[in-house]
Amino acid sequence: MSDRDGTWLGLPRRVKPLVQAGVLLGLGLGGFFDGIVLHQILQWHHMVSSHADPTIAGNLELNVMADGFFHAGTYVFTVLGIVLLWRAWGRPGVPKSGRALFGSVILGWGLFNVIEGIVNHHLLGIHHVWPAGPGSVFLWDAGFLLWGGLFIVGGYAIVRRGAGAPAVEHAPAKAGGGE
């Protein structure tokens, strides 16, 4: 994944810690958006609302608990992203680029959509974006994947534009601690 010319995924290596932090933040924020908007506000689905066993699919208490575990996971991604961001901007040479951070958050959100869509909607079939009827379930799930793919491509493009930001340089500490 790295080139001999000092790049990582086609980006300057110095931006790697910032992108890693942003991707984790994006995974967490994408999960929160999915859980809050699709699960709670619109109530289109819950984590196991399309399970083959109707006693599981129709059990609201179980579905809400599964949603809670899902939100706990998105919370962990978000906290880890904040920790990595804090550490990244404390390192010399890492650009303090809001554009690179924003792009990597969008990229991470897209990764969330693609991974969650493939695993939960298509492979496991435990829920779908909107179980609107036999013909349209696939279209909603495919649209979710397309949305994720667009976020990945768009986020990466934003990161590339922001990767040229000046690096954060730290002044050496003065001896004696005085001003």
N, C-alpha and C. Protein backbone atom coordinates (compact mmCIF):
# COMPACT_ATOMS: atom_id res chain seq x y z
N MET A 1 0.80 -1.19 0.00
CA MET A 1 0.00 0.00 0.00
C MET A 1 0.85 1.26 0.00
N SER A 2 2.14 1.12 0.21
CA SER A 2 2.98 2.31 0.16
C SER A 2 3.94 2.19 -1.00
N ASP A 3 4.29 3.31 -1.51
CA ASP A 3 5.23 3.37 -2.61
C ASP A 3 6.60 3.74 -2.07
N ARG A 4 7.59 3.50 -2.88
CA ARG A 4 8.95 3.85 -2.47
C ARG A 4 9.20 5.35 -2.52
N ASP A 5 8.31 6.08 -3.12
CA ASP A 5 8.50 7.53 -3.23
C ASP A 5 7.93 8.30 -2.04
N GLY A 6 7.63 7.61 -0.95
CA GLY A 6 7.17 8.29 0.26
C GLY A 6 5.67 8.56 0.28
N THR A 7 4.90 7.80 -0.49
CA THR A 7 3.45 8.00 -0.49
C THR A 7 2.76 6.79 0.15
N TRP A 8 1.53 6.99 0.52
CA TRP A 8 0.68 5.96 1.11
C TRP A 8 -0.69 6.12 0.46
N LEU A 9 -1.14 5.09 -0.26
CA LEU A 9 -2.41 5.13 -0.99
C LEU A 9 -2.48 6.33 -1.94
N GLY A 10 -1.35 6.68 -2.51
CA GLY A 10 -1.29 7.82 -3.43
C GLY A 10 -1.29 9.17 -2.75
N LEU A 11 -1.12 9.19 -1.44
CA LEU A 11 -1.11 10.42 -0.66
C LEU A 11 0.25 10.59 -0.01
N PRO A 12 0.64 11.82 0.31
CA PRO A 12 1.89 11.98 1.05
C PRO A 12 1.83 11.23 2.37
N ARG A 13 2.89 10.51 2.71
CA ARG A 13 2.92 9.68 3.91
C ARG A 13 2.61 10.49 5.17
N ARG A 14 2.95 11.77 5.19
CA ARG A 14 2.73 12.59 6.39
C ARG A 14 1.25 12.77 6.72
N VAL A 15 0.36 12.52 5.74
CA VAL A 15 -1.08 12.69 5.97
C VAL A 15 -1.74 11.41 6.51
N LYS A 16 -1.00 10.30 6.52
CA LYS A 16 -1.55 9.01 6.94
C LYS A 16 -2.22 9.05 8.32
N PRO A 17 -1.58 9.59 9.38
CA PRO A 17 -2.25 9.59 10.69
C PRO A 17 -3.56 10.38 10.69
N LEU A 18 -3.60 11.47 9.94
CA LEU A 18 -4.82 12.28 9.86
C LEU A 18 -5.93 11.52 9.14
N VAL A 19 -5.58 10.85 8.06
CA VAL A 19 -6.58 10.08 7.30
C VAL A 19 -7.09 8.90 8.13
N GLN A 20 -6.21 8.23 8.83
CA GLN A 20 -6.65 7.11 9.66
C GLN A 20 -7.64 7.58 10.73
N ALA A 21 -7.35 8.71 11.35
CA ALA A 21 -8.27 9.27 12.35
C ALA A 21 -9.61 9.62 11.71
N GLY A 22 -9.56 10.27 10.56
CA GLY A 22 -10.79 10.67 9.88
C GLY A 22 -11.63 9.49 9.43
N VAL A 23 -10.97 8.43 8.96
CA VAL A 23 -11.72 7.25 8.53
C VAL A 23 -12.45 6.62 9.71
N LEU A 24 -11.79 6.52 10.86
CA LEU A 24 -12.48 5.98 12.05
C LEU A 24 -13.64 6.88 12.47
N LEU A 25 -13.43 8.20 12.42
CA LEU A 25 -14.53 9.12 12.72
C LEU A 25 -15.67 8.92 11.74
N GLY A 26 -15.35 8.74 10.46
CA GLY A 26 -16.38 8.53 9.45
C GLY A 26 -17.14 7.23 9.65
N LEU A 27 -16.43 6.17 10.03
CA LEU A 27 -17.11 4.91 10.33
C LEU A 27 -18.10 5.11 11.47
N GLY A 28 -17.68 5.82 12.52
CA GLY A 28 -18.56 6.06 13.65
C GLY A 28 -19.73 6.96 13.29
N LEU A 29 -19.45 8.07 12.60
CA LEU A 29 -20.52 9.01 12.25
C LEU A 29 -21.49 8.40 11.24
N GLY A 30 -20.97 7.61 10.29
CA GLY A 30 -21.85 6.93 9.35
C GLY A 30 -22.78 5.96 10.06
N GLY A 31 -22.23 5.24 11.04
CA GLY A 31 -23.05 4.33 11.83
C GLY A 31 -24.09 5.07 12.66
N PHE A 32 -23.68 6.19 13.26
CA PHE A 32 -24.65 6.97 14.04
C PHE A 32 -25.76 7.50 13.14
N PHE A 33 -25.41 8.00 11.96
CA PHE A 33 -26.44 8.49 11.04
C PHE A 33 -27.41 7.37 10.69
N ASP A 34 -26.88 6.20 10.33
CA ASP A 34 -27.71 5.06 9.97
C ASP A 34 -28.62 4.69 11.13
N GLY A 35 -28.05 4.55 12.32
CA GLY A 35 -28.84 4.13 13.47
C GLY A 35 -29.87 5.16 13.91
N ILE A 36 -29.46 6.43 13.92
CA ILE A 36 -30.38 7.47 14.39
C ILE A 36 -31.46 7.75 13.35
N VAL A 37 -31.06 7.94 12.10
CA VAL A 37 -32.03 8.33 11.07
C VAL A 37 -32.86 7.13 10.58
N LEU A 38 -32.20 6.05 10.15
CA LEU A 38 -32.93 4.93 9.57
C LEU A 38 -33.59 4.03 10.61
N HIS A 39 -32.91 3.81 11.76
CA HIS A 39 -33.47 2.92 12.78
C HIS A 39 -34.48 3.65 13.67
N GLN A 40 -34.13 4.85 14.14
CA GLN A 40 -34.94 5.49 15.17
C GLN A 40 -35.94 6.51 14.62
N ILE A 41 -35.49 7.45 13.79
CA ILE A 41 -36.40 8.50 13.33
C ILE A 41 -37.37 7.97 12.27
N LEU A 42 -36.83 7.41 11.18
CA LEU A 42 -37.70 6.90 10.11
C LEU A 42 -38.28 5.53 10.44
N GLN A 43 -37.61 4.79 11.31
CA GLN A 43 -38.01 3.44 11.72
C GLN A 43 -38.22 2.51 10.52
N TRP A 44 -37.30 2.59 9.56
CA TRP A 44 -37.37 1.73 8.39
C TRP A 44 -36.92 0.31 8.71
N HIS A 45 -35.98 0.19 9.61
CA HIS A 45 -35.50 -1.14 10.00
C HIS A 45 -34.79 -1.05 11.34
N HIS A 46 -34.54 -2.23 11.90
CA HIS A 46 -33.68 -2.39 13.08
C HIS A 46 -32.60 -3.38 12.68
N MET A 47 -31.68 -3.66 13.57
CA MET A 47 -30.54 -4.51 13.21
C MET A 47 -30.94 -5.90 12.71
N VAL A 48 -31.91 -6.52 13.32
CA VAL A 48 -32.28 -7.88 12.89
C VAL A 48 -33.75 -7.95 12.46
N SER A 49 -34.26 -6.87 11.92
CA SER A 49 -35.69 -6.82 11.57
C SER A 49 -36.07 -7.63 10.34
N SER A 50 -35.11 -8.14 9.59
CA SER A 50 -35.42 -9.00 8.44
C SER A 50 -34.91 -10.43 8.66
N HIS A 51 -34.63 -10.78 9.90
CA HIS A 51 -34.14 -12.12 10.22
C HIS A 51 -35.16 -13.15 9.74
N ALA A 52 -34.67 -14.27 9.27
CA ALA A 52 -35.55 -15.32 8.73
C ALA A 52 -36.51 -15.87 9.78
N ASP A 53 -36.10 -15.89 11.02
CA ASP A 53 -36.96 -16.40 12.10
C ASP A 53 -37.91 -15.27 12.53
N PRO A 54 -39.22 -15.41 12.30
CA PRO A 54 -40.15 -14.33 12.63
C PRO A 54 -40.19 -13.97 14.12
N THR A 55 -39.81 -14.90 15.00
CA THR A 55 -39.78 -14.57 16.43
C THR A 55 -38.64 -13.60 16.75
N ILE A 56 -37.60 -13.63 15.92
CA ILE A 56 -36.49 -12.67 16.08
C ILE A 56 -36.82 -11.39 15.35
N ALA A 57 -37.28 -11.50 14.11
CA ALA A 57 -37.57 -10.32 13.29
C ALA A 57 -38.64 -9.44 13.92
N GLY A 58 -39.63 -10.04 14.56
CA GLY A 58 -40.73 -9.28 15.12
C GLY A 58 -40.55 -8.89 16.58
N ASN A 59 -39.45 -9.29 17.20
CA ASN A 59 -39.22 -9.02 18.61
C ASN A 59 -38.59 -7.64 18.76
N LEU A 60 -39.40 -6.64 19.08
CA LEU A 60 -38.92 -5.26 19.17
C LEU A 60 -37.86 -5.10 20.25
N GLU A 61 -38.05 -5.76 21.39
CA GLU A 61 -37.07 -5.65 22.47
C GLU A 61 -35.70 -6.15 22.02
N LEU A 62 -35.65 -7.28 21.33
CA LEU A 62 -34.40 -7.83 20.81
C LEU A 62 -33.79 -6.91 19.76
N ASN A 63 -34.62 -6.36 18.88
CA ASN A 63 -34.14 -5.47 17.85
C ASN A 63 -33.56 -4.17 18.44
N VAL A 64 -34.21 -3.63 19.45
CA VAL A 64 -33.71 -2.42 20.10
C VAL A 64 -32.38 -2.72 20.80
N MET A 65 -32.29 -3.89 21.44
CA MET A 65 -31.03 -4.26 22.08
C MET A 65 -29.91 -4.40 21.03
N ALA A 66 -30.22 -5.04 19.91
CA ALA A 66 -29.23 -5.17 18.83
C ALA A 66 -28.83 -3.79 18.31
N ASP A 67 -29.79 -2.87 18.18
CA ASP A 67 -29.47 -1.50 17.79
C ASP A 67 -28.53 -0.85 18.80
N GLY A 68 -28.75 -1.14 20.08
CA GLY A 68 -27.89 -0.59 21.13
C GLY A 68 -26.46 -1.08 21.01
N PHE A 69 -26.28 -2.37 20.74
CA PHE A 69 -24.92 -2.90 20.53
C PHE A 69 -24.29 -2.26 19.29
N PHE A 70 -25.09 -2.07 18.26
CA PHE A 70 -24.61 -1.40 17.05
C PHE A 70 -24.13 0.01 17.38
N HIS A 71 -24.93 0.76 18.16
CA HIS A 71 -24.54 2.11 18.54
C HIS A 71 -23.31 2.11 19.44
N ALA A 72 -23.17 1.11 20.29
CA ALA A 72 -21.96 1.01 21.12
C ALA A 72 -20.73 0.87 20.23
N GLY A 73 -20.84 0.08 19.17
CA GLY A 73 -19.74 -0.07 18.23
C GLY A 73 -19.41 1.23 17.51
N THR A 74 -20.44 1.95 17.09
CA THR A 74 -20.19 3.23 16.40
C THR A 74 -19.57 4.24 17.37
N TYR A 75 -19.95 4.16 18.63
CA TYR A 75 -19.37 5.03 19.65
C TYR A 75 -17.87 4.74 19.81
N VAL A 76 -17.51 3.46 19.84
CA VAL A 76 -16.10 3.08 19.95
C VAL A 76 -15.31 3.61 18.76
N PHE A 77 -15.82 3.45 17.53
CA PHE A 77 -15.14 4.00 16.35
C PHE A 77 -14.93 5.50 16.49
N THR A 78 -15.96 6.21 16.94
CA THR A 78 -15.88 7.65 17.06
C THR A 78 -14.84 8.07 18.10
N VAL A 79 -14.85 7.43 19.26
CA VAL A 79 -13.87 7.76 20.30
C VAL A 79 -12.45 7.45 19.82
N LEU A 80 -12.25 6.30 19.19
CA LEU A 80 -10.92 5.97 18.66
C LEU A 80 -10.48 6.99 17.62
N GLY A 81 -11.41 7.45 16.78
CA GLY A 81 -11.09 8.46 15.80
C GLY A 81 -10.65 9.77 16.44
N ILE A 82 -11.32 10.16 17.52
CA ILE A 82 -10.95 11.39 18.23
C ILE A 82 -9.57 11.23 18.85
N VAL A 83 -9.29 10.09 19.46
CA VAL A 83 -7.98 9.84 20.06
C VAL A 83 -6.89 9.90 18.99
N LEU A 84 -7.12 9.24 17.86
CA LEU A 84 -6.12 9.26 16.79
C LEU A 84 -5.95 10.66 16.21
N LEU A 85 -7.02 11.42 16.12
CA LEU A 85 -6.92 12.80 15.63
C LEU A 85 -6.09 13.64 16.58
N TRP A 86 -6.35 13.52 17.86
CA TRP A 86 -5.59 14.25 18.88
C TRP A 86 -4.10 13.93 18.75
N ARG A 87 -3.80 12.65 18.63
CA ARG A 87 -2.40 12.22 18.50
C ARG A 87 -1.78 12.67 17.17
N ALA A 88 -2.57 12.61 16.09
CA ALA A 88 -2.04 12.99 14.77
C ALA A 88 -1.64 14.45 14.75
N TRP A 89 -2.50 15.32 15.26
CA TRP A 89 -2.19 16.74 15.22
C TRP A 89 -1.14 17.14 16.23
N GLY A 90 -0.78 16.23 17.12
CA GLY A 90 0.33 16.47 18.04
C GLY A 90 1.67 16.03 17.49
N ARG A 91 1.66 15.37 16.35
CA ARG A 91 2.90 14.87 15.74
C ARG A 91 3.47 15.88 14.76
N PRO A 92 4.77 16.07 14.79
CA PRO A 92 5.37 16.99 13.81
C PRO A 92 5.24 16.42 12.39
N GLY A 93 5.00 17.30 11.46
CA GLY A 93 4.92 16.91 10.05
C GLY A 93 3.53 16.56 9.56
N VAL A 94 2.58 16.33 10.47
CA VAL A 94 1.22 16.00 10.05
C VAL A 94 0.50 17.29 9.68
N PRO A 95 -0.09 17.36 8.50
CA PRO A 95 -0.77 18.61 8.11
C PRO A 95 -2.00 18.87 8.98
N LYS A 96 -2.19 20.11 9.32
CA LYS A 96 -3.39 20.49 10.07
C LYS A 96 -4.40 20.93 9.03
N SER A 97 -4.89 19.96 8.26
CA SER A 97 -5.75 20.22 7.12
C SER A 97 -7.18 19.81 7.41
N GLY A 98 -8.05 20.80 7.53
CA GLY A 98 -9.46 20.51 7.71
C GLY A 98 -10.04 19.81 6.50
N ARG A 99 -9.54 20.14 5.31
CA ARG A 99 -10.03 19.50 4.09
C ARG A 99 -9.67 18.02 4.06
N ALA A 100 -8.42 17.68 4.41
CA ALA A 100 -8.02 16.28 4.43
C ALA A 100 -8.81 15.52 5.50
N LEU A 101 -9.04 16.15 6.64
CA LEU A 101 -9.82 15.50 7.69
C LEU A 101 -11.26 15.30 7.23
N PHE A 102 -11.88 16.33 6.69
CA PHE A 102 -13.26 16.23 6.21
C PHE A 102 -13.38 15.14 5.14
N GLY A 103 -12.47 15.13 4.18
CA GLY A 103 -12.50 14.11 3.13
C GLY A 103 -12.35 12.71 3.67
N SER A 104 -11.48 12.54 4.67
CA SER A 104 -11.29 11.19 5.22
C SER A 104 -12.50 10.76 6.06
N VAL A 105 -13.20 11.71 6.68
CA VAL A 105 -14.44 11.38 7.39
C VAL A 105 -15.49 10.91 6.38
N ILE A 106 -15.63 11.61 5.27
CA ILE A 106 -16.58 11.22 4.22
C ILE A 106 -16.19 9.84 3.67
N LEU A 107 -14.90 9.63 3.46
CA LEU A 107 -14.42 8.33 2.97
C LEU A 107 -14.78 7.22 3.96
N GLY A 108 -14.56 7.46 5.26
CA GLY A 108 -14.90 6.47 6.28
C GLY A 108 -16.39 6.19 6.34
N TRP A 109 -17.18 7.24 6.17
CA TRP A 109 -18.65 7.08 6.16
C TRP A 109 -19.03 6.18 4.98
N GLY A 110 -18.41 6.42 3.83
CA GLY A 110 -18.68 5.58 2.67
C GLY A 110 -18.28 4.13 2.90
N LEU A 111 -17.13 3.93 3.56
CA LEU A 111 -16.70 2.57 3.90
C LEU A 111 -17.73 1.90 4.82
N PHE A 112 -18.25 2.67 5.78
CA PHE A 112 -19.29 2.12 6.66
C PHE A 112 -20.46 1.62 5.81
N ASN A 113 -20.96 2.47 4.91
CA ASN A 113 -22.13 2.11 4.10
C ASN A 113 -21.86 0.86 3.27
N VAL A 114 -20.70 0.80 2.64
CA VAL A 114 -20.39 -0.34 1.77
C VAL A 114 -20.24 -1.62 2.59
N ILE A 115 -19.48 -1.56 3.67
CA ILE A 115 -19.26 -2.77 4.49
C ILE A 115 -20.57 -3.22 5.13
N GLU A 116 -21.28 -2.29 5.77
CA GLU A 116 -22.54 -2.64 6.42
C GLU A 116 -23.57 -3.12 5.40
N GLY A 117 -23.61 -2.47 4.24
CA GLY A 117 -24.56 -2.86 3.21
C GLY A 117 -24.29 -4.26 2.67
N ILE A 118 -23.03 -4.55 2.39
CA ILE A 118 -22.68 -5.87 1.86
C ILE A 118 -22.95 -6.95 2.92
N VAL A 119 -22.47 -6.72 4.14
CA VAL A 119 -22.58 -7.76 5.18
C VAL A 119 -24.03 -7.93 5.65
N ASN A 120 -24.65 -6.84 6.13
CA ASN A 120 -25.98 -6.98 6.75
C ASN A 120 -27.12 -7.09 5.75
N HIS A 121 -27.04 -6.35 4.65
CA HIS A 121 -28.16 -6.35 3.69
C HIS A 121 -28.07 -7.54 2.74
N HIS A 122 -26.87 -7.80 2.22
CA HIS A 122 -26.74 -8.80 1.15
C HIS A 122 -26.28 -10.17 1.64
N LEU A 123 -25.22 -10.24 2.44
CA LEU A 123 -24.71 -11.55 2.85
C LEU A 123 -25.56 -12.19 3.96
N LEU A 124 -25.81 -11.44 5.03
CA LEU A 124 -26.58 -12.00 6.15
C LEU A 124 -28.08 -11.80 5.99
N GLY A 125 -28.47 -10.75 5.30
CA GLY A 125 -29.90 -10.47 5.10
C GLY A 125 -30.65 -10.20 6.39
N ILE A 126 -29.96 -9.68 7.43
CA ILE A 126 -30.64 -9.48 8.71
C ILE A 126 -31.50 -8.22 8.74
N HIS A 127 -31.23 -7.30 7.83
CA HIS A 127 -32.13 -6.16 7.63
C HIS A 127 -31.85 -5.55 6.27
N HIS A 128 -32.77 -4.72 5.82
CA HIS A 128 -32.63 -4.02 4.55
C HIS A 128 -32.89 -2.55 4.81
N VAL A 129 -32.46 -1.70 3.88
CA VAL A 129 -32.62 -0.26 4.08
C VAL A 129 -34.08 0.08 4.31
N TRP A 130 -34.91 -0.36 3.40
CA TRP A 130 -36.35 -0.12 3.54
C TRP A 130 -37.09 -1.30 2.95
N PRO A 131 -37.70 -2.11 3.77
CA PRO A 131 -38.41 -3.30 3.25
C PRO A 131 -39.75 -2.91 2.64
N ALA A 132 -39.70 -2.19 1.51
CA ALA A 132 -40.89 -1.61 0.89
C ALA A 132 -41.69 -2.60 0.07
N GLY A 133 -41.12 -3.72 -0.26
CA GLY A 133 -41.83 -4.68 -1.08
C GLY A 133 -40.84 -5.51 -1.86
N PRO A 134 -41.28 -6.61 -2.43
CA PRO A 134 -40.37 -7.56 -3.06
C PRO A 134 -39.42 -6.96 -4.10
N GLY A 135 -39.88 -6.15 -5.01
CA GLY A 135 -39.00 -5.64 -6.07
C GLY A 135 -38.11 -4.50 -5.66
N SER A 136 -38.54 -3.72 -4.69
CA SER A 136 -37.80 -2.51 -4.37
C SER A 136 -36.76 -2.68 -3.26
N VAL A 137 -36.80 -3.77 -2.51
CA VAL A 137 -35.83 -3.98 -1.43
C VAL A 137 -34.42 -3.95 -2.00
N PHE A 138 -34.21 -4.68 -3.09
CA PHE A 138 -32.88 -4.72 -3.71
C PHE A 138 -32.46 -3.33 -4.18
N LEU A 139 -33.38 -2.55 -4.74
CA LEU A 139 -33.04 -1.22 -5.23
C LEU A 139 -32.60 -0.29 -4.08
N TRP A 140 -33.31 -0.34 -2.96
CA TRP A 140 -32.92 0.47 -1.81
C TRP A 140 -31.55 0.04 -1.28
N ASP A 141 -31.32 -1.27 -1.19
CA ASP A 141 -30.03 -1.77 -0.71
C ASP A 141 -28.90 -1.42 -1.69
N ALA A 142 -29.18 -1.53 -2.98
CA ALA A 142 -28.17 -1.16 -3.98
C ALA A 142 -27.90 0.34 -3.94
N GLY A 143 -28.93 1.14 -3.74
CA GLY A 143 -28.74 2.59 -3.62
C GLY A 143 -27.88 2.95 -2.43
N PHE A 144 -28.04 2.21 -1.33
CA PHE A 144 -27.22 2.43 -0.13
C PHE A 144 -25.76 2.16 -0.45
N LEU A 145 -25.49 1.07 -1.20
CA LEU A 145 -24.12 0.76 -1.62
C LEU A 145 -23.57 1.82 -2.56
N LEU A 146 -24.39 2.28 -3.49
CA LEU A 146 -23.97 3.32 -4.42
C LEU A 146 -23.63 4.60 -3.67
N TRP A 147 -24.48 4.99 -2.71
CA TRP A 147 -24.23 6.16 -1.88
C TRP A 147 -22.87 6.01 -1.18
N GLY A 148 -22.60 4.83 -0.62
CA GLY A 148 -21.32 4.57 0.03
C GLY A 148 -20.16 4.68 -0.94
N GLY A 149 -20.32 4.12 -2.13
CA GLY A 149 -19.25 4.20 -3.13
C GLY A 149 -18.97 5.64 -3.54
N LEU A 150 -20.01 6.44 -3.70
CA LEU A 150 -19.82 7.85 -4.04
C LEU A 150 -19.10 8.59 -2.91
N PHE A 151 -19.43 8.26 -1.66
CA PHE A 151 -18.76 8.87 -0.52
C PHE A 151 -17.28 8.50 -0.50
N ILE A 152 -16.96 7.24 -0.82
CA ILE A 152 -15.56 6.81 -0.84
C ILE A 152 -14.78 7.59 -1.90
N VAL A 153 -15.31 7.64 -3.11
CA VAL A 153 -14.64 8.33 -4.21
C VAL A 153 -14.53 9.83 -3.92
N GLY A 154 -15.64 10.43 -3.50
CA GLY A 154 -15.63 11.86 -3.21
C GLY A 154 -14.74 12.21 -2.04
N GLY A 155 -14.78 11.40 -0.99
CA GLY A 155 -13.93 11.64 0.18
C GLY A 155 -12.46 11.55 -0.18
N TYR A 156 -12.09 10.55 -0.97
CA TYR A 156 -10.69 10.41 -1.37
C TYR A 156 -10.25 11.62 -2.21
N ALA A 157 -11.12 12.09 -3.09
CA ALA A 157 -10.78 13.26 -3.91
C ALA A 157 -10.56 14.49 -3.03
N ILE A 158 -11.38 14.66 -2.00
CA ILE A 158 -11.21 15.79 -1.08
C ILE A 158 -9.91 15.65 -0.30
N VAL A 159 -9.60 14.44 0.16
CA VAL A 159 -8.34 14.20 0.89
C VAL A 159 -7.16 14.56 0.00
N ARG A 160 -7.20 14.14 -1.25
CA ARG A 160 -6.07 14.44 -2.16
C ARG A 160 -5.86 15.94 -2.31
N ARG A 161 -6.96 16.69 -2.37
CA ARG A 161 -6.82 18.16 -2.49
C ARG A 161 -6.31 18.77 -1.19
N GLY A 162 -6.67 18.17 -0.06
CA GLY A 162 -6.24 18.73 1.23
C GLY A 162 -4.92 18.20 1.72
N ALA A 163 -4.37 17.19 1.06
CA ALA A 163 -3.13 16.57 1.52
C ALA A 163 -1.92 17.48 1.35
N GLY A 164 -2.04 18.51 0.55
CA GLY A 164 -0.91 19.41 0.33
C GLY A 164 -0.83 20.53 1.35
N ALA A 165 -1.68 20.49 2.37
CA ALA A 165 -1.67 21.54 3.39
C ALA A 165 -0.33 21.54 4.11
N PRO A 166 0.06 22.71 4.62
CA PRO A 166 1.34 22.77 5.34
C PRO A 166 1.32 21.88 6.59
N ALA A 167 2.46 21.35 6.89
CA ALA A 167 2.59 20.47 8.06
C ALA A 167 2.59 21.30 9.33
N VAL A 168 2.18 20.66 10.41
CA VAL A 168 2.23 21.29 11.72
C VAL A 168 3.66 21.12 12.23
N GLU A 169 4.32 22.20 12.47
CA GLU A 169 5.69 22.16 13.00
C GLU A 169 5.66 22.56 14.45
N HIS A 170 6.45 21.88 15.24
CA HIS A 170 6.53 22.19 16.66
C HIS A 170 7.84 22.89 16.94
N ALA A 171 7.74 24.02 17.63
CA ALA A 171 8.94 24.75 18.00
C ALA A 171 9.66 23.99 19.11
N PRO A 172 10.98 23.98 19.08
CA PRO A 172 11.69 23.30 20.18
C PRO A 172 11.43 24.02 21.49
N ALA A 173 11.35 23.24 22.56
CA ALA A 173 11.12 23.81 23.89
C ALA A 173 12.34 24.60 24.33
N LYS A 174 12.09 25.73 24.99
CA LYS A 174 13.19 26.57 25.49
C LYS A 174 13.73 25.98 26.78
N ALA A 175 15.04 26.09 26.95
CA ALA A 175 15.64 25.64 28.18
C ALA A 175 15.22 26.55 29.33
N GLY A 176 14.98 26.01 30.47
CA GLY A 176 14.64 26.81 31.63
C GLY A 176 13.14 27.06 31.76
N GLY A 177 12.36 26.77 30.72
CA GLY A 177 10.92 26.88 30.78
C GLY A 177 10.39 28.30 30.80
N GLY A 178 11.21 29.33 30.70
CA GLY A 178 10.73 30.71 30.75
C GLY A 178 10.43 31.25 29.38
N GLU A 179 9.82 32.42 29.35
CA GLU A 179 9.47 33.05 28.08
C GLU A 179 10.55 33.95 27.61
